Structures are given as C-alpha cells and as structure tokens.
C-alpha cells in the first residue's frame, strides 16, 4: 500500500473462501510514511459472518402447556 487513506478492506478468507476462525487479530504498522510522521489508526472495525443462534434451533411453543411457561414473570 502506498500512502493509504480512508478505509482499507482486508478479507480474512482461506483458500476456498471460507472465513478464517481466530481468537486474535494483530495489526502491525511496519513503517511510517510521509518522511517519518507517526501513523495513526483511529478506528478498527471487524465484521464476522452471521451464524444461526442456538435459540433458533429450539422448537416453537405450540401447545397450551408450553405457552403457559414461555415468559418470565
């Protein structure tokens, strides 16, 4: 990158375009630009793919017995 400015998109995909699973992302600035001025990162956004939550895997409450206990009082 030569003097990047604005948002830089870095896709984190493997060889078959699946998202990489990770616990930590390390961002390193290897060199300053513009005659040695400090490099500033003001904001970093990390987006993940949407996964189905475990709540959606439960069956729906359709019987009267289930409906009696579906809310917290």
C-alpha atoms as a PDB file:
ATOM      1  CA  UNK A   1       0.000   0.000   0.000  1.00  0.00           C
ATOM      2  CA  UNK A   2       1.339   3.404  -0.917  1.00  0.00           C
ATOM      3  CA  UNK A   3       0.066   6.112   1.461  1.00  0.00           C
ATOM      4  CA  UNK A   4      -3.307   4.517   2.226  1.00  0.00           C
ATOM      5  CA  UNK A   5      -6.099   6.793   3.322  1.00  0.00           C
ATOM      6  CA  UNK A   6      -9.661   6.046   4.330  1.00  0.00           C
ATOM      7  CA  UNK A   7     -10.993   2.570   4.996  1.00  0.00           C
ATOM      8  CA  UNK A   8      -8.887  -0.399   3.909  1.00  0.00           C
ATOM      9  CA  UNK A   9     -10.786  -3.688   3.466  1.00  0.00           C
ATOM     10  CA  UNK A  10      -8.771  -6.808   4.284  1.00  0.00           C
ATOM     11  CA  UNK A  11     -10.713 -10.027   3.668  1.00  0.00           C
ATOM     12  CA  UNK A  12      -9.757 -12.852   6.034  1.00  0.00           C
ATOM     13  CA  UNK A  13     -10.601 -15.924   3.951  1.00  0.00           C
ATOM     14  CA  UNK A  14      -8.953 -19.289   3.398  1.00  0.00           C
ATOM     15  CA  UNK A  15      -8.205 -20.921   0.016  1.00  0.00           C
ATOM     16  CA  UNK A  16     -11.836 -21.930  -0.585  1.00  0.00           C
ATOM     17  CA  UNK A  17     -13.280 -18.535   0.501  1.00  0.00           C
ATOM     18  CA  UNK A  18     -14.415 -19.650   3.958  1.00  0.00           C
ATOM     19  CA  UNK A  19     -13.894 -17.196   6.835  1.00  0.00           C
ATOM     20  CA  UNK A  20     -10.808 -17.870   8.941  1.00  0.00           C
ATOM     21  CA  UNK A  21     -11.595 -18.818  12.549  1.00  0.00           C
ATOM     22  CA  UNK A  22      -9.411 -16.916  15.002  1.00  0.00           C
ATOM     23  CA  UNK A  23      -9.266 -15.702  18.589  1.00  0.00           C
ATOM     24  CA  UNK A  24      -6.912 -12.769  17.996  1.00  0.00           C
ATOM     25  CA  UNK A  25      -6.116 -10.371  15.154  1.00  0.00           C
ATOM     26  CA  UNK A  26      -2.825  -8.470  15.365  1.00  0.00           C
ATOM     27  CA  UNK A  27      -2.341  -5.342  13.255  1.00  0.00           C
ATOM     28  CA  UNK A  28       1.261  -4.161  12.865  1.00  0.00           C
ATOM     29  CA  UNK A  29       2.473  -0.919  11.277  1.00  0.00           C
ATOM     30  CA  UNK A  30       5.835  -1.909   9.815  1.00  0.00           C
ATOM     31  CA  UNK A  31       6.902   1.528   8.593  1.00  0.00           C
ATOM     32  CA  UNK A  32       5.851   5.156   8.910  1.00  0.00           C
ATOM     33  CA  UNK A  33       5.054   7.183   5.809  1.00  0.00           C
ATOM     34  CA  UNK A  34       5.395  10.854   4.809  1.00  0.00           C
ATOM     35  CA  UNK A  35       9.005  11.378   5.950  1.00  0.00           C
ATOM     36  CA  UNK A  36       8.691   9.525   9.256  1.00  0.00           C
ATOM     37  CA  UNK A  37       5.470  11.025  10.616  1.00  0.00           C
ATOM     38  CA  UNK A  38       3.613   8.796  13.018  1.00  0.00           C
ATOM     39  CA  UNK A  39       0.904   6.558  11.652  1.00  0.00           C
ATOM     40  CA  UNK A  40      -2.495   6.792  13.352  1.00  0.00           C
ATOM     41  CA  UNK A  41      -5.256   4.195  13.364  1.00  0.00           C
ATOM     42  CA  UNK A  42      -8.318   5.963  14.651  1.00  0.00           C
ATOM     43  CA  UNK A  43     -10.827   3.159  14.287  1.00  0.00           C
ATOM     44  CA  UNK A  44     -10.776  -0.548  13.501  1.00  0.00           C
ATOM     45  CA  UNK A  45     -13.918  -2.497  12.583  1.00  0.00           C
ATOM     46  CA  UNK A  46     -14.062  -6.283  12.420  1.00  0.00           C
ATOM     47  CA  UNK A  47     -17.137  -7.885  10.885  1.00  0.00           C
ATOM     48  CA  UNK A  48     -17.975 -11.568  11.207  1.00  0.00           C
ATOM     49  CA  UNK A  49     -20.311 -13.740   9.166  1.00  0.00           C
ATOM     50  CA  UNK A  50     -23.816 -14.184  10.557  1.00  0.00           C
ATOM     51  CA  UNK A  51     -24.375 -17.543  12.192  1.00  0.00           C
ATOM     52  CA  UNK A  52     -27.647 -19.029  13.348  1.00  0.00           C
ATOM     53  CA  UNK A  53     -28.042 -18.704  17.102  1.00  0.00           C
ATOM     54  CA  UNK A  54     -28.895 -21.653  19.314  1.00  0.00           C
ATOM     55  CA  UNK A  55     -32.241 -20.049  20.201  1.00  0.00           C
ATOM     56  CA  UNK A  56     -33.465 -20.617  16.642  1.00  0.00           C
ATOM     57  CA  UNK A  57     -32.815 -24.357  16.966  1.00  0.00           C
ATOM     58  CA  UNK A  58     -35.443 -24.865  19.673  1.00  0.00           C
ATOM     59  CA  UNK A  59     -38.928 -25.968  18.579  1.00  0.00           C
ATOM     60  CA  UNK A  60     -41.741 -23.434  18.686  1.00  0.00           C
ATOM     61  CA  UNK A  61     -44.081 -23.343  21.694  1.00  0.00           C
ATOM     62  CA  UNK A  62     -47.380 -24.514  20.221  1.00  0.00           C
ATOM     63  CA  UNK A  63     -49.155 -26.422  22.990  1.00  0.00           C
ATOM     64  CA  UNK A  64     -51.074 -24.809  25.834  1.00  0.00           C
ATOM     65  CA  UNK A  65     -48.636 -26.260  28.397  1.00  0.00           C
ATOM     66  CA  UNK A  66     -45.651 -24.679  26.651  1.00  0.00           C
ATOM     67  CA  UNK A  67     -47.402 -21.339  26.176  1.00  0.00           C
ATOM     68  CA  UNK A  68     -48.100 -21.115  29.948  1.00  0.00           C
ATOM     69  CA  UNK A  69     -44.361 -21.096  30.750  1.00  0.00           C
ATOM     70  CA  UNK A  70     -42.841 -19.284  27.766  1.00  0.00           C
ATOM     71  CA  UNK A  71     -42.411 -15.923  29.559  1.00  0.00           C
ATOM     72  CA  UNK A  72     -40.639 -14.897  32.744  1.00  0.00           C
ATOM     73  CA  UNK A  73     -42.891 -13.276  35.342  1.00  0.00           C
END
